Amino acid sequence: MPLKPESQRHPVDMAVGARIRLTRKARGVSQQALAEAVGLTFQQIQKYERGANRVSASKLAEIAAFLQVSVSELFGTDAAASGLTDELADLLGAPGALELLKTYGRLPRAQQSALVGFLGTLPTPR
């Protein structure tokens, strides 16, 4: 079954999925490990994380328990308290983003500045 285009996905489903992805990655948990823990396939976790499928309340509770966060944090009601915003979740959910940030954090300040300067010179897609 083909995925719904992003424009037809509900923004809440996409935001919840992005928070699941960000929390899972921050905890160093693979999609496979999360899927096994909550009785799903990794493909279903992928669909949740993209917002292509809605997460039922019971599965959201299981996912939150496994990731050791509150359901409200994954749903977004604790977003302000946790410092997690939809924009940040989207950015950090991009492939390689969290790994890039972790590597950046391990660099000396001078190299961080040089890297930011270099990235600023790269052309951005329109």
PDB file of N, CA and C in Angstrom:
ATOM      1  N   MET A   1       0.838  -1.178   0.000  1.00  0.00           N
ATOM      2  CA  MET A   1       0.000   0.000   0.000  1.00  0.00           C
ATOM      3  C   MET A   1       0.886   1.245   0.000  1.00  0.00           C
ATOM      4  N   PRO A   2       0.695   2.149  -0.967  1.00  0.00           N
ATOM      5  CA  PRO A   2       1.537   3.333  -1.036  1.00  0.00           C
ATOM      6  C   PRO A   2       1.270   4.270   0.141  1.00  0.00           C
ATOM      7  N   LEU A   3       2.324   5.012   0.529  1.00  0.00           N
ATOM      8  CA  LEU A   3       2.191   5.961   1.628  1.00  0.00           C
ATOM      9  C   LEU A   3       1.407   7.174   1.166  1.00  0.00           C
ATOM     10  N   LYS A   4       0.690   7.790   2.115  1.00  0.00           N
ATOM     11  CA  LYS A   4       0.011   9.041   1.821  1.00  0.00           C
ATOM     12  C   LYS A   4       1.073  10.108   1.587  1.00  0.00           C
ATOM     13  N   PRO A   5       0.829  11.014   0.643  1.00  0.00           N
ATOM     14  CA  PRO A   5       1.771  12.119   0.476  1.00  0.00           C
ATOM     15  C   PRO A   5       1.832  12.922   1.775  1.00  0.00           C
ATOM     16  N   GLU A   6       2.977  13.558   2.010  1.00  0.00           N
ATOM     17  CA  GLU A   6       3.159  14.307   3.247  1.00  0.00           C
ATOM     18  C   GLU A   6       2.063  15.345   3.441  1.00  0.00           C
ATOM     19  N   SER A   7       1.572  15.930   2.361  1.00  0.00           N
ATOM     20  CA  SER A   7       0.537  16.962   2.469  1.00  0.00           C
ATOM     21  C   SER A   7      -0.784  16.407   2.990  1.00  0.00           C
ATOM     22  N   GLN A   8      -0.990  15.090   2.913  1.00  0.00           N
ATOM     23  CA  GLN A   8      -2.228  14.483   3.390  1.00  0.00           C
ATOM     24  C   GLN A   8      -2.089  13.869   4.782  1.00  0.00           C
ATOM     25  N   ARG A   9      -0.887  13.892   5.343  1.00  0.00           N
ATOM     26  CA  ARG A   9      -0.674  13.356   6.677  1.00  0.00           C
ATOM     27  C   ARG A   9      -1.074  14.423   7.693  1.00  0.00           C
ATOM     28  N   HIS A  10      -1.632  13.980   8.807  1.00  0.00           N
ATOM     29  CA  HIS A  10      -2.051  14.935   9.826  1.00  0.00           C
ATOM     30  C   HIS A  10      -0.818  15.483  10.545  1.00  0.00           C
ATOM     31  N   PRO A  11      -0.757  16.789  10.741  1.00  0.00           N
ATOM     32  CA  PRO A  11       0.414  17.385  11.395  1.00  0.00           C
ATOM     33  C   PRO A  11       0.684  16.825  12.799  1.00  0.00           C
ATOM     34  N   VAL A  12      -0.350  16.479  13.524  1.00  0.00           N
ATOM     35  CA  VAL A  12      -0.149  15.907  14.865  1.00  0.00           C
ATOM     36  C   VAL A  12       0.524  14.545  14.753  1.00  0.00           C
ATOM     37  N   ASP A  13       0.092  13.722  13.803  1.00  0.00           N
ATOM     38  CA  ASP A  13       0.709  12.402  13.606  1.00  0.00           C
ATOM     39  C   ASP A  13       2.179  12.553  13.236  1.00  0.00           C
ATOM     40  N   MET A  14       2.481  13.536  12.405  1.00  0.00           N
ATOM     41  CA  MET A  14       3.863  13.767  11.991  1.00  0.00           C
ATOM     42  C   MET A  14       4.702  14.262  13.169  1.00  0.00           C
ATOM     43  N   ALA A  15       4.130  15.134  14.002  1.00  0.00           N
ATOM     44  CA  ALA A  15       4.859  15.658  15.160  1.00  0.00           C
ATOM     45  C   ALA A  15       5.116  14.565  16.193  1.00  0.00           C
ATOM     46  N   VAL A  16       4.120  13.723  16.453  1.00  0.00           N
ATOM     47  CA  VAL A  16       4.299  12.612  17.392  1.00  0.00           C
ATOM     48  C   VAL A  16       5.372  11.670  16.864  1.00  0.00           C
ATOM     49  N   GLY A  17       5.320  11.354  15.583  1.00  0.00           N
ATOM     50  CA  GLY A  17       6.318  10.475  14.982  1.00  0.00           C
ATOM     51  C   GLY A  17       7.720  11.054  15.076  1.00  0.00           C
ATOM     52  N   ALA A  18       7.836  12.356  14.845  1.00  0.00           N
ATOM     53  CA  ALA A  18       9.150  13.005  14.929  1.00  0.00           C
ATOM     54  C   ALA A  18       9.687  12.936  16.356  1.00  0.00           C
ATOM     55  N   ARG A  19       8.807  13.100  17.336  1.00  0.00           N
ATOM     56  CA  ARG A  19       9.246  13.010  18.738  1.00  0.00           C
ATOM     57  C   ARG A  19       9.651  11.587  19.107  1.00  0.00           C
ATOM     58  N   ILE A  20       8.924  10.611  18.578  1.00  0.00           N
ATOM     59  CA  ILE A  20       9.306   9.213  18.822  1.00  0.00           C
ATOM     60  C   ILE A  20      10.699   8.963  18.245  1.00  0.00           C
ATOM     61  N   ARG A  21      10.910   9.392  17.003  1.00  0.00           N
ATOM     62  CA  ARG A  21      12.197   9.192  16.328  1.00  0.00           C
ATOM     63  C   ARG A  21      13.322   9.873  17.097  1.00  0.00           C
ATOM     64  N   LEU A  22      13.108  11.131  17.495  1.00  0.00           N
ATOM     65  CA  LEU A  22      14.138  11.877  18.213  1.00  0.00           C
ATOM     66  C   LEU A  22      14.458  11.216  19.553  1.00  0.00           C
ATOM     67  N   THR A  23      13.452  10.817  20.290  1.00  0.00           N
ATOM     68  CA  THR A  23      13.669  10.190  21.591  1.00  0.00           C
ATOM     69  C   THR A  23      14.363   8.846  21.427  1.00  0.00           C
ATOM     70  N   ARG A  24      13.923   8.073  20.441  1.00  0.00           N
ATOM     71  CA  ARG A  24      14.542   6.766  20.193  1.00  0.00           C
ATOM     72  C   ARG A  24      16.016   6.932  19.865  1.00  0.00           C
ATOM     73  N   LYS A  25      16.329   7.864  18.973  1.00  0.00           N
ATOM     74  CA  LYS A  25      17.724   8.082  18.578  1.00  0.00           C
ATOM     75  C   LYS A  25      18.547   8.613  19.744  1.00  0.00           C
ATOM     76  N   ALA A  26      17.969   9.514  20.523  1.00  0.00           N
ATOM     77  CA  ALA A  26      18.693  10.067  21.674  1.00  0.00           C
ATOM     78  C   ALA A  26      19.021   8.978  22.691  1.00  0.00           C
ATOM     79  N   ARG A  27      18.184   7.964  22.766  1.00  0.00           N
ATOM     80  CA  ARG A  27      18.413   6.854  23.696  1.00  0.00           C
ATOM     81  C   ARG A  27      19.302   5.764  23.089  1.00  0.00           C
ATOM     82  N   GLY A  28      19.654   5.925  21.804  1.00  0.00           N
ATOM     83  CA  GLY A  28      20.501   4.932  21.137  1.00  0.00           C
ATOM     84  C   GLY A  28      19.782   3.633  20.848  1.00  0.00           C
ATOM     85  N   VAL A  29      18.475   3.714  20.624  1.00  0.00           N
ATOM     86  CA  VAL A  29      17.649   2.527  20.377  1.00  0.00           C
ATOM     87  C   VAL A  29      17.367   2.428  18.883  1.00  0.00           C
ATOM     88  N   SER A  30      17.532   1.244  18.311  1.00  0.00           N
ATOM     89  CA  SER A  30      17.238   1.047  16.887  1.00  0.00           C
ATOM     90  C   SER A  30      15.729   0.899  16.691  1.00  0.00           C
ATOM     91  N   GLN A  31      15.296   1.086  15.461  1.00  0.00           N
ATOM     92  CA  GLN A  31      13.885   0.861  15.144  1.00  0.00           C
ATOM     93  C   GLN A  31      13.522  -0.593  15.428  1.00  0.00           C
ATOM     94  N   GLN A  32      14.430  -1.503  15.118  1.00  0.00           N
ATOM     95  CA  GLN A  32      14.187  -2.928  15.344  1.00  0.00           C
ATOM     96  C   GLN A  32      13.991  -3.221  16.834  1.00  0.00           C
ATOM     97  N   ALA A  33      14.849  -2.662  17.675  1.00  0.00           N
ATOM     98  CA  ALA A  33      14.746  -2.904  19.123  1.00  0.00           C
ATOM     99  C   ALA A  33      13.444  -2.342  19.685  1.00  0.00           C
ATOM    100  N   LEU A  34      13.069  -1.159  19.246  1.00  0.00           N
ATOM    101  CA  LEU A  34      11.804  -0.565  19.696  1.00  0.00           C
ATOM    102  C   LEU A  34      10.632  -1.410  19.231  1.00  0.00           C
ATOM    103  N   ALA A  35      10.684  -1.826  17.981  1.00  0.00           N
ATOM    104  CA  ALA A  35       9.607  -2.646  17.423  1.00  0.00           C
ATOM    105  C   ALA A  35       9.431  -3.942  18.214  1.00  0.00           C
ATOM    106  N   GLU A  36      10.525  -4.613  18.487  1.00  0.00           N
ATOM    107  CA  GLU A  36      10.452  -5.870  19.244  1.00  0.00           C
ATOM    108  C   GLU A  36       9.906  -5.643  20.644  1.00  0.00           C
ATOM    109  N   ALA A  37      10.297  -4.539  21.253  1.00  0.00           N
ATOM    110  CA  ALA A  37       9.859  -4.248  22.619  1.00  0.00           C
ATOM    111  C   ALA A  37       8.354  -4.009  22.712  1.00  0.00           C
ATOM    112  N   VAL A  38       7.756  -3.489  21.647  1.00  0.00           N
ATOM    113  CA  VAL A  38       6.324  -3.168  21.687  1.00  0.00           C
ATOM    114  C   VAL A  38       5.482  -4.069  20.777  1.00  0.00           C
ATOM    115  N   GLY A  39       6.113  -5.120  20.247  1.00  0.00           N
ATOM    116  CA  GLY A  39       5.365  -6.100  19.463  1.00  0.00           C
ATOM    117  C   GLY A  39       4.952  -5.654  18.079  1.00  0.00           C
ATOM    118  N   LEU A  40       5.833  -4.931  17.414  1.00  0.00           N
ATOM    119  CA  LEU A  40       5.564  -4.467  16.054  1.00  0.00           C
ATOM    120  C   LEU A  40       6.724  -4.857  15.146  1.00  0.00           C
ATOM    121  N   THR A  41       6.599  -4.544  13.860  1.00  0.00           N
ATOM    122  CA  THR A  41       7.708  -4.689  12.930  1.00  0.00           C
ATOM    123  C   THR A  41       8.439  -3.347  12.853  1.00  0.00           C
ATOM    124  N   PHE A  42       9.705  -3.392  12.444  1.00  0.00           N
ATOM    125  CA  PHE A  42      10.428  -2.123  12.328  1.00  0.00           C
ATOM    126  C   PHE A  42       9.803  -1.247  11.244  1.00  0.00           C
ATOM    127  N   GLN A  43       9.155  -1.876  10.247  1.00  0.00           N
ATOM    128  CA  GLN A  43       8.493  -1.092   9.200  1.00  0.00           C
ATOM    129  C   GLN A  43       7.349  -0.264   9.783  1.00  0.00           C
ATOM    130  N   GLN A  44       6.649  -0.839  10.767  1.00  0.00           N
ATOM    131  CA  GLN A  44       5.558  -0.095  11.394  1.00  0.00           C
ATOM    132  C   GLN A  44       6.118   1.092  12.177  1.00  0.00           C
ATOM    133  N   ILE A  45       7.231   0.884  12.860  1.00  0.00           N
ATOM    134  CA  ILE A  45       7.882   1.994  13.582  1.00  0.00           C
ATOM    135  C   ILE A  45       8.274   3.085  12.586  1.00  0.00           C
ATOM    136  N   GLN A  46       8.823   2.679  11.431  1.00  0.00           N
ATOM    137  CA  GLN A  46       9.177   3.657  10.388  1.00  0.00           C
ATOM    138  C   GLN A  46       7.957   4.479   9.984  1.00  0.00           C
ATOM    139  N   LYS A  47       6.833   3.811   9.783  1.00  0.00           N
ATOM    140  CA  LYS A  47       5.607   4.514   9.381  1.00  0.00           C
ATOM    141  C   LYS A  47       5.135   5.463  10.475  1.00  0.00           C
ATOM    142  N   TYR A  48       5.227   5.030  11.732  1.00  0.00           N
ATOM    143  CA  TYR A  48       4.875   5.925  12.843  1.00  0.00           C
ATOM    144  C   TYR A  48       5.773   7.157  12.832  1.00  0.00           C
ATOM    145  N   GLU A  49       7.076   6.935  12.697  1.00  0.00           N
ATOM    146  CA  GLU A  49       8.030   8.032  12.776  1.00  0.00           C
ATOM    147  C   GLU A  49       7.871   9.026  11.633  1.00  0.00           C
ATOM    148  N   ARG A  50       7.420   8.586  10.491  1.00  0.00           N
ATOM    149  CA  ARG A  50       7.178   9.488   9.359  1.00  0.00           C
ATOM    150  C   ARG A  50       5.805  10.136   9.426  1.00  0.00           C
ATOM    151  N   GLY A  51       4.957   9.659  10.340  1.00  0.00           N
ATOM    152  CA  GLY A  51       3.607  10.189  10.415  1.00  0.00           C
ATOM    153  C   GLY A  51       2.692   9.599   9.367  1.00  0.00           C
ATOM    154  N   ALA A  52       3.150   8.550   8.691  1.00  0.00           N
ATOM    155  CA  ALA A  52       2.330   7.912   7.655  1.00  0.00           C
ATOM    156  C   ALA A  52       1.187   7.115   8.287  1.00  0.00           C
ATOM    157  N   ASN A  53       1.424   6.569   9.474  1.00  0.00           N
ATOM    158  CA  ASN A  53       0.396   5.849  10.228  1.00  0.00           C
ATOM    159  C   ASN A  53       0.245   6.497  11.592  1.00  0.00           C
ATOM    160  N   ARG A  54      -0.970   6.483  12.093  1.00  0.00           N
ATOM    161  CA  ARG A  54      -1.232   7.009  13.428  1.00  0.00           C
ATOM    162  C   ARG A  54      -0.865   5.972  14.470  1.00  0.00           C
ATOM    163  N   VAL A  55      -0.351   6.462  15.595  1.00  0.00           N
ATOM    164  CA  VAL A  55      -0.010   5.592  16.714  1.00  0.00           C
ATOM    165  C   VAL A  55      -1.229   5.527  17.623  1.00  0.00           C
ATOM    166  N   SER A  56      -1.691   4.310  17.916  1.00  0.00           N
ATOM    167  CA  SER A  56      -2.822   4.175  18.836  1.00  0.00           C
ATOM    168  C   SER A  56      -2.384   4.599  20.232  1.00  0.00           C
ATOM    169  N   ALA A  57      -3.342   4.918  21.061  1.00  0.00           N
ATOM    170  CA  ALA A  57      -3.045   5.345  22.434  1.00  0.00           C
ATOM    171  C   ALA A  57      -2.294   4.256  23.193  1.00  0.00           C
ATOM    172  N   SER A  58      -2.708   3.009  23.018  1.00  0.00           N
ATOM    173  CA  SER A  58      -2.050   1.928  23.758  1.00  0.00           C
ATOM    174  C   SER A  58      -0.608   1.736  23.285  1.00  0.00           C
ATOM    175  N   LYS A  59      -0.362   1.825  21.977  1.00  0.00           N
ATOM    176  CA  LYS A  59       1.011   1.684  21.470  1.00  0.00           C
ATOM    177  C   LYS A  59       1.863   2.886  21.884  1.00  0.00           C
ATOM    178  N   LEU A  60       1.262   4.069  21.900  1.00  0.00           N
ATOM    179  CA  LEU A  60       2.006   5.249  22.333  1.00  0.00           C
ATOM    180  C   LEU A  60       2.440   5.080  23.790  1.00  0.00           C
ATOM    181  N   ALA A  61       1.557   4.525  24.610  1.00  0.00           N
ATOM    182  CA  ALA A  61       1.890   4.276  26.017  1.00  0.00           C
ATOM    183  C   ALA A  61       3.021   3.252  26.130  1.00  0.00           C
ATOM    184  N   GLU A  62       2.982   2.196  25.320  1.00  0.00           N
ATOM    185  CA  GLU A  62       4.045   1.186  25.348  1.00  0.00           C
ATOM    186  C   GLU A  62       5.378   1.770  24.880  1.00  0.00           C
ATOM    187  N   ILE A  63       5.331   2.558  23.812  1.00  0.00           N
ATOM    188  CA  ILE A  63       6.545   3.185  23.286  1.00  0.00           C
ATOM    189  C   ILE A  63       7.137   4.131  24.324  1.00  0.00           C
ATOM    190  N   ALA A  64       6.288   4.951  24.937  1.00  0.00           N
ATOM    191  CA  ALA A  64       6.758   5.891  25.957  1.00  0.00           C
ATOM    192  C   ALA A  64       7.391   5.152  27.133  1.00  0.00           C
ATOM    193  N   ALA A  65       6.751   4.081  27.568  1.00  0.00           N
ATOM    194  CA  ALA A  65       7.289   3.313  28.699  1.00  0.00           C
ATOM    195  C   ALA A  65       8.655   2.729  28.344  1.00  0.00           C
ATOM    196  N   PHE A  66       8.775   2.163  27.153  1.00  0.00           N
ATOM    197  CA  PHE A  66      10.054   1.579  26.748  1.00  0.00           C
ATOM    198  C   PHE A  66      11.151   2.638  26.646  1.00  0.00           C
ATOM    199  N   LEU A  67      10.798   3.817  26.125  1.00  0.00           N
ATOM    200  CA  LEU A  67      11.776   4.893  25.956  1.00  0.00           C
ATOM    201  C   LEU A  67      11.958   5.709  27.240  1.00  0.00           C
ATOM    202  N   GLN A  68      11.209   5.378  28.254  1.00  0.00           N
ATOM    203  CA  GLN A  68      11.294   6.013  29.572  1.00  0.00           C
ATOM    204  C   GLN A  68      11.017   7.513  29.517  1.00  0.00           C
ATOM    205  N   VAL A  69       9.935   7.850  28.823  1.00  0.00           N
ATOM    206  CA  VAL A  69       9.434   9.225  28.793  1.00  0.00           C
ATOM    207  C   VAL A  69       7.939   9.177  29.026  1.00  0.00           C
ATOM    208  N   SER A  70       7.346  10.312  29.303  1.00  0.00           N
ATOM    209  CA  SER A  70       5.899  10.352  29.479  1.00  0.00           C
ATOM    210  C   SER A  70       5.212  10.369  28.113  1.00  0.00           C
ATOM    211  N   VAL A  71       3.990   9.879  28.102  1.00  0.00           N
ATOM    212  CA  VAL A  71       3.190   9.928  26.869  1.00  0.00           C
ATOM    213  C   VAL A  71       3.012  11.381  26.452  1.00  0.00           C
ATOM    214  N   SER A  72       2.803  12.248  27.420  1.00  0.00           N
ATOM    215  CA  SER A  72       2.582  13.653  27.084  1.00  0.00           C
ATOM    216  C   SER A  72       3.807  14.282  26.416  1.00  0.00           C
ATOM    217  N   GLU A  73       5.009  13.804  26.773  1.00  0.00           N
ATOM    218  CA  GLU A  73       6.200  14.323  26.103  1.00  0.00           C
ATOM    219  C   GLU A  73       6.212  13.910  24.636  1.00  0.00           C
ATOM    220  N   LEU A  74       5.839  12.670  24.352  1.00  0.00           N
ATOM    221  CA  LEU A  74       5.793  12.217  22.957  1.00  0.00           C
ATOM    222  C   LEU A  74       4.656  12.884  22.205  1.00  0.00           C
ATOM    223  N   PHE A  75       3.590  13.193  22.919  1.00  0.00           N
ATOM    224  CA  PHE A  75       2.454  13.839  22.265  1.00  0.00           C
ATOM    225  C   PHE A  75       2.696  15.325  22.080  1.00  0.00           C
ATOM    226  N   GLY A  76       3.550  15.886  22.923  1.00  0.00           N
ATOM    227  CA  GLY A  76       3.909  17.281  22.744  1.00  0.00           C
ATOM    228  C   GLY A  76       3.418  18.214  23.818  1.00  0.00           C
ATOM    229  N   THR A  77       2.623  17.734  24.764  1.00  0.00           N
ATOM    230  CA  THR A  77       2.108  18.636  25.788  1.00  0.00           C
ATOM    231  C   THR A  77       3.171  19.038  26.783  1.00  0.00           C
ATOM    232  N   ASP A  78       4.264  18.268  26.898  1.00  0.00           N
ATOM    233  CA  ASP A  78       5.388  18.630  27.762  1.00  0.00           C
ATOM    234  C   ASP A  78       6.518  19.257  26.965  1.00  0.00           C
ATOM    235  N   ALA A  79       6.259  19.600  25.718  1.00  0.00           N
ATOM    236  CA  ALA A  79       7.340  20.073  24.849  1.00  0.00           C
ATOM    237  C   ALA A  79       8.031  21.302  25.408  1.00  0.00           C
ATOM    238  N   ALA A  80       7.276  22.252  25.929  1.00  0.00           N
ATOM    239  CA  ALA A  80       7.903  23.469  26.440  1.00  0.00           C
ATOM    240  C   ALA A  80       8.767  23.145  27.650  1.00  0.00           C
ATOM    241  N   ALA A  81       8.284  22.281  28.507  1.00  0.00           N
ATOM    242  CA  ALA A  81       9.036  21.938  29.716  1.00  0.00           C
ATOM    243  C   ALA A  81      10.311  21.176  29.381  1.00  0.00           C
ATOM    244  N   SER A  82      10.262  20.331  28.373  1.00  0.00           N
ATOM    245  CA  SER A  82      11.435  19.529  28.034  1.00  0.00           C
ATOM    246  C   SER A  82      12.358  20.246  27.057  1.00  0.00           C
ATOM    247  N   GLY A  83      11.934  21.400  26.540  1.00  0.00           N
ATOM    248  CA  GLY A  83      12.747  22.128  25.579  1.00  0.00           C
ATOM    249  C   GLY A  83      12.655  21.539  24.179  1.00  0.00           C
ATOM    250  N   LEU A  84      11.739  20.606  23.978  1.00  0.00           N
ATOM    251  CA  LEU A  84      11.605  19.931  22.698  1.00  0.00           C
ATOM    252  C   LEU A  84      10.513  20.619  21.882  1.00  0.00           C
ATOM    253  N   THR A  85      10.872  21.159  20.749  1.00  0.00           N
ATOM    254  CA  THR A  85       9.888  21.796  19.887  1.00  0.00           C
ATOM    255  C   THR A  85       9.718  20.962  18.631  1.00  0.00           C
ATOM    256  N   ASP A  86       8.621  21.190  17.946  1.00  0.00           N
ATOM    257  CA  ASP A  86       8.383  20.456  16.701  1.00  0.00           C
ATOM    258  C   ASP A  86       9.498  20.721  15.689  1.00  0.00           C
ATOM    259  N   GLU A  87       9.942  21.963  15.603  1.00  0.00           N
ATOM    260  CA  GLU A  87      10.994  22.294  14.644  1.00  0.00           C
ATOM    261  C   GLU A  87      12.294  21.569  14.996  1.00  0.00           C
ATOM    262  N   LEU A  88      12.633  21.565  16.267  1.00  0.00           N
ATOM    263  CA  LEU A  88      13.844  20.875  16.705  1.00  0.00           C
ATOM    264  C   LEU A  88      13.721  19.377  16.458  1.00  0.00           C
ATOM    265  N   ALA A  89      12.558  18.817  16.759  1.00  0.00           N
ATOM    266  CA  ALA A  89      12.342  17.389  16.528  1.00  0.00           C
ATOM    267  C   ALA A  89      12.496  17.060  15.051  1.00  0.00           C
ATOM    268  N   ASP A  90      11.960  17.907  14.193  1.00  0.00           N
ATOM    269  CA  ASP A  90      12.091  17.683  12.746  1.00  0.00           C
ATOM    270  C   ASP A  90      13.553  17.748  12.309  1.00  0.00           C
ATOM    271  N   LEU A  91      14.266  18.764  12.784  1.00  0.00           N
ATOM    272  CA  LEU A  91      15.663  18.924  12.403  1.00  0.00           C
ATOM    273  C   LEU A  91      16.514  17.756  12.886  1.00  0.00           C
ATOM    274  N   LEU A  92      16.366  17.382  14.150  1.00  0.00           N
ATOM    275  CA  LEU A  92      17.178  16.306  14.696  1.00  0.00           C
ATOM    276  C   LEU A  92      16.748  14.941  14.191  1.00  0.00           C
ATOM    277  N   GLY A  93      15.557  14.861  13.651  1.00  0.00           N
ATOM    278  CA  GLY A  93      15.078  13.604  13.099  1.00  0.00           C
ATOM    279  C   GLY A  93      15.582  13.326  11.695  1.00  0.00           C
ATOM    280  N   ALA A  94      16.197  14.335  11.069  1.00  0.00           N
ATOM    281  CA  ALA A  94      16.739  14.148   9.717  1.00  0.00           C
ATOM    282  C   ALA A  94      17.864  13.114   9.764  1.00  0.00           C
ATOM    283  N   PRO A  95      17.981  12.308   8.716  1.00  0.00           N
ATOM    284  CA  PRO A  95      19.036  11.289   8.708  1.00  0.00           C
ATOM    285  C   PRO A  95      20.422  11.888   8.967  1.00  0.00           C
ATOM    286  N   GLY A  96      21.112  11.357   9.952  1.00  0.00           N
ATOM    287  CA  GLY A  96      22.468  11.777  10.274  1.00  0.00           C
ATOM    288  C   GLY A  96      22.569  13.000  11.167  1.00  0.00           C
ATOM    289  N   ALA A  97      21.467  13.693  11.423  1.00  0.00           N
ATOM    290  CA  ALA A  97      21.520  14.948  12.175  1.00  0.00           C
ATOM    291  C   ALA A  97      21.991  14.746  13.612  1.00  0.00           C
ATOM    292  N   LEU A  98      21.447  13.785  14.286  1.00  0.00           N
ATOM    293  CA  LEU A  98      21.833  13.569  15.676  1.00  0.00           C
ATOM    294  C   LEU A  98      23.289  13.126  15.777  1.00  0.00           C
ATOM    295  N   GLU A  99      23.716  12.271  14.857  1.00  0.00           N
ATOM    296  CA  GLU A  99      25.104  11.825  14.849  1.00  0.00           C
ATOM    297  C   GLU A  99      26.041  13.004  14.574  1.00  0.00           C
ATOM    298  N   LEU A 100      25.641  13.876  13.654  1.00  0.00           N
ATOM    299  CA  LEU A 100      26.435  15.064  13.347  1.00  0.00           C
ATOM    300  C   LEU A 100      26.556  15.958  14.574  1.00  0.00           C
ATOM    301  N   LEU A 101      25.463  16.157  15.276  1.00  0.00           N
ATOM    302  CA  LEU A 101      25.473  17.005  16.467  1.00  0.00           C
ATOM    303  C   LEU A 101      26.342  16.408  17.575  1.00  0.00           C
ATOM    304  N   LYS A 102      26.265  15.092  17.758  1.00  0.00           N
ATOM    305  CA  LYS A 102      27.105  14.442  18.769  1.00  0.00           C
ATOM    306  C   LYS A 102      28.585  14.597  18.427  1.00  0.00           C
ATOM    307  N   THR A 103      28.921  14.418  17.164  1.00  0.00           N
ATOM    308  CA  THR A 103      30.315  14.581  16.730  1.00  0.00           C
ATOM    309  C   THR A 103      30.747  16.031  16.905  1.00  0.00           C
ATOM    310  N   TYR A 104      29.897  16.963  16.531  1.00  0.00           N
ATOM    311  CA  TYR A 104      30.180  18.387  16.696  1.00  0.00           C
ATOM    312  C   TYR A 104      30.476  18.698  18.159  1.00  0.00           C
ATOM    313  N   GLY A 105      29.703  18.141  19.067  1.00  0.00           N
ATOM    314  CA  GLY A 105      29.878  18.387  20.487  1.00  0.00           C
ATOM    315  C   GLY A 105      31.205  17.881  21.030  1.00  0.00           C
ATOM    316  N   ARG A 106      31.797  16.901  20.369  1.00  0.00           N
ATOM    317  CA  ARG A 106      33.088  16.351  20.816  1.00  0.00           C
ATOM    318  C   ARG A 106      34.284  17.120  20.251  1.00  0.00           C
ATOM    319  N   LEU A 107      34.036  18.012  19.299  1.00  0.00           N
ATOM    320  CA  LEU A 107      35.129  18.773  18.688  1.00  0.00           C
ATOM    321  C   LEU A 107      35.575  19.913  19.607  1.00  0.00           C
ATOM    322  N   PRO A 108      36.857  20.292  19.528  1.00  0.00           N
ATOM    323  CA  PRO A 108      37.311  21.496  20.235  1.00  0.00           C
ATOM    324  C   PRO A 108      36.612  22.734  19.655  1.00  0.00           C
ATOM    325  N   ARG A 109      36.493  23.770  20.451  1.00  0.00           N
ATOM    326  CA  ARG A 109      35.773  24.989  20.022  1.00  0.00           C
ATOM    327  C   ARG A 109      36.269  25.543  18.683  1.00  0.00           C
ATOM    328  N   ALA A 110      37.563  25.560  18.489  1.00  0.00           N
ATOM    329  CA  ALA A 110      38.112  26.115  17.241  1.00  0.00           C
ATOM    330  C   ALA A 110      37.625  25.318  16.033  1.00  0.00           C
ATOM    331  N   GLN A 111      37.577  24.005  16.180  1.00  0.00           N
ATOM    332  CA  GLN A 111      37.091  23.173  15.072  1.00  0.00           C
ATOM    333  C   GLN A 111      35.582  23.331  14.896  1.00  0.00           C
ATOM    334  N   GLN A 112      34.862  23.525  15.990  1.00  0.00           N
ATOM    335  CA  GLN A 112      33.425  23.774  15.862  1.00  0.00           C
ATOM    336  C   GLN A 112      33.184  25.041  15.048  1.00  0.00           C
ATOM    337  N   SER A 113      33.921  26.089  15.379  1.00  0.00           N
ATOM    338  CA  SER A 113      33.781  27.362  14.655  1.00  0.00           C
ATOM    339  C   SER A 113      34.142  27.196  13.185  1.00  0.00           C
ATOM    340  N   ALA A 114      35.222  26.463  12.933  1.00  0.00           N
ATOM    341  CA  ALA A 114      35.651  26.236  11.545  1.00  0.00           C
ATOM    342  C   ALA A 114      34.586  25.449  10.778  1.00  0.00           C
ATOM    343  N   LEU A 115      34.003  24.461  11.434  1.00  0.00           N
ATOM    344  CA  LEU A 115      32.975  23.653  10.776  1.00  0.00           C
ATOM    345  C   LEU A 115      31.741  24.488  10.458  1.00  0.00           C
ATOM    346  N   VAL A 116      31.310  25.301  11.408  1.00  0.00           N
ATOM    347  CA  VAL A 116      30.155  26.168  11.173  1.00  0.00           C
ATOM    348  C   VAL A 116      30.456  27.133  10.028  1.00  0.00           C
ATOM    349  N   GLY A 117      31.668  27.690  10.012  1.00  0.00           N
ATOM    350  CA  GLY A 117      32.064  28.587   8.921  1.00  0.00           C
ATOM    351  C   GLY A 117      32.038  27.879   7.580  1.00  0.00           C
ATOM    352  N   PHE A 118      32.574  26.653   7.542  1.00  0.00           N
ATOM    353  CA  PHE A 118      32.578  25.885   6.298  1.00  0.00           C
ATOM    354  C   PHE A 118      31.150  25.596   5.829  1.00  0.00           C
ATOM    355  N   LEU A 119      30.307  25.155   6.754  1.00  0.00           N
ATOM    356  CA  LEU A 119      28.926  24.826   6.390  1.00  0.00           C
ATOM    357  C   LEU A 119      28.182  26.062   5.859  1.00  0.00           C
ATOM    358  N   GLY A 120      28.545  27.222   6.397  1.00  0.00           N
ATOM    359  CA  GLY A 120      27.923  28.466   5.920  1.00  0.00           C
ATOM    360  C   GLY A 120      28.292  28.810   4.498  1.00  0.00           C
ATOM    361  N   THR A 121      29.388  28.270   3.992  1.00  0.00           N
ATOM    362  CA  THR A 121      29.809  28.551   2.614  1.00  0.00           C
ATOM    363  C   THR A 121      29.145  27.620   1.595  1.00  0.00           C
ATOM    364  N   LEU A 122      28.550  26.548   2.069  1.00  0.00           N
ATOM    365  CA  LEU A 122      27.931  25.595   1.146  1.00  0.00           C
ATOM    366  C   LEU A 122      26.640  26.170   0.562  1.00  0.00           C
ATOM    367  N   PRO A 123      26.398  25.928  -0.720  1.00  0.00           N
ATOM    368  CA  PRO A 123      25.143  26.401  -1.311  1.00  0.00           C
ATOM    369  C   PRO A 123      23.964  25.601  -0.731  1.00  0.00           C
ATOM    370  N   THR A 124      22.877  26.295  -0.524  1.00  0.00           N
ATOM    371  CA  THR A 124      21.679  25.627  -0.012  1.00  0.00           C
ATOM    372  C   THR A 124      20.693  25.421  -1.150  1.00  0.00           C
ATOM    373  N   PRO A 125      19.992  24.290  -1.145  1.00  0.00           N
ATOM    374  CA  PRO A 125      19.001  24.050  -2.199  1.00  0.00           C
ATOM    375  C   PRO A 125      17.857  25.044  -2.083  1.00  0.00           C
ATOM    376  N   ARG A 126      17.319  25.375  -3.202  1.00  0.00           N
ATOM    377  CA  ARG A 126      16.193  26.335  -3.212  1.00  0.00           C
ATOM    378  C   ARG A 126      14.893  25.626  -3.202  1.00  0.00           C
TER     379      ARG A 126
END
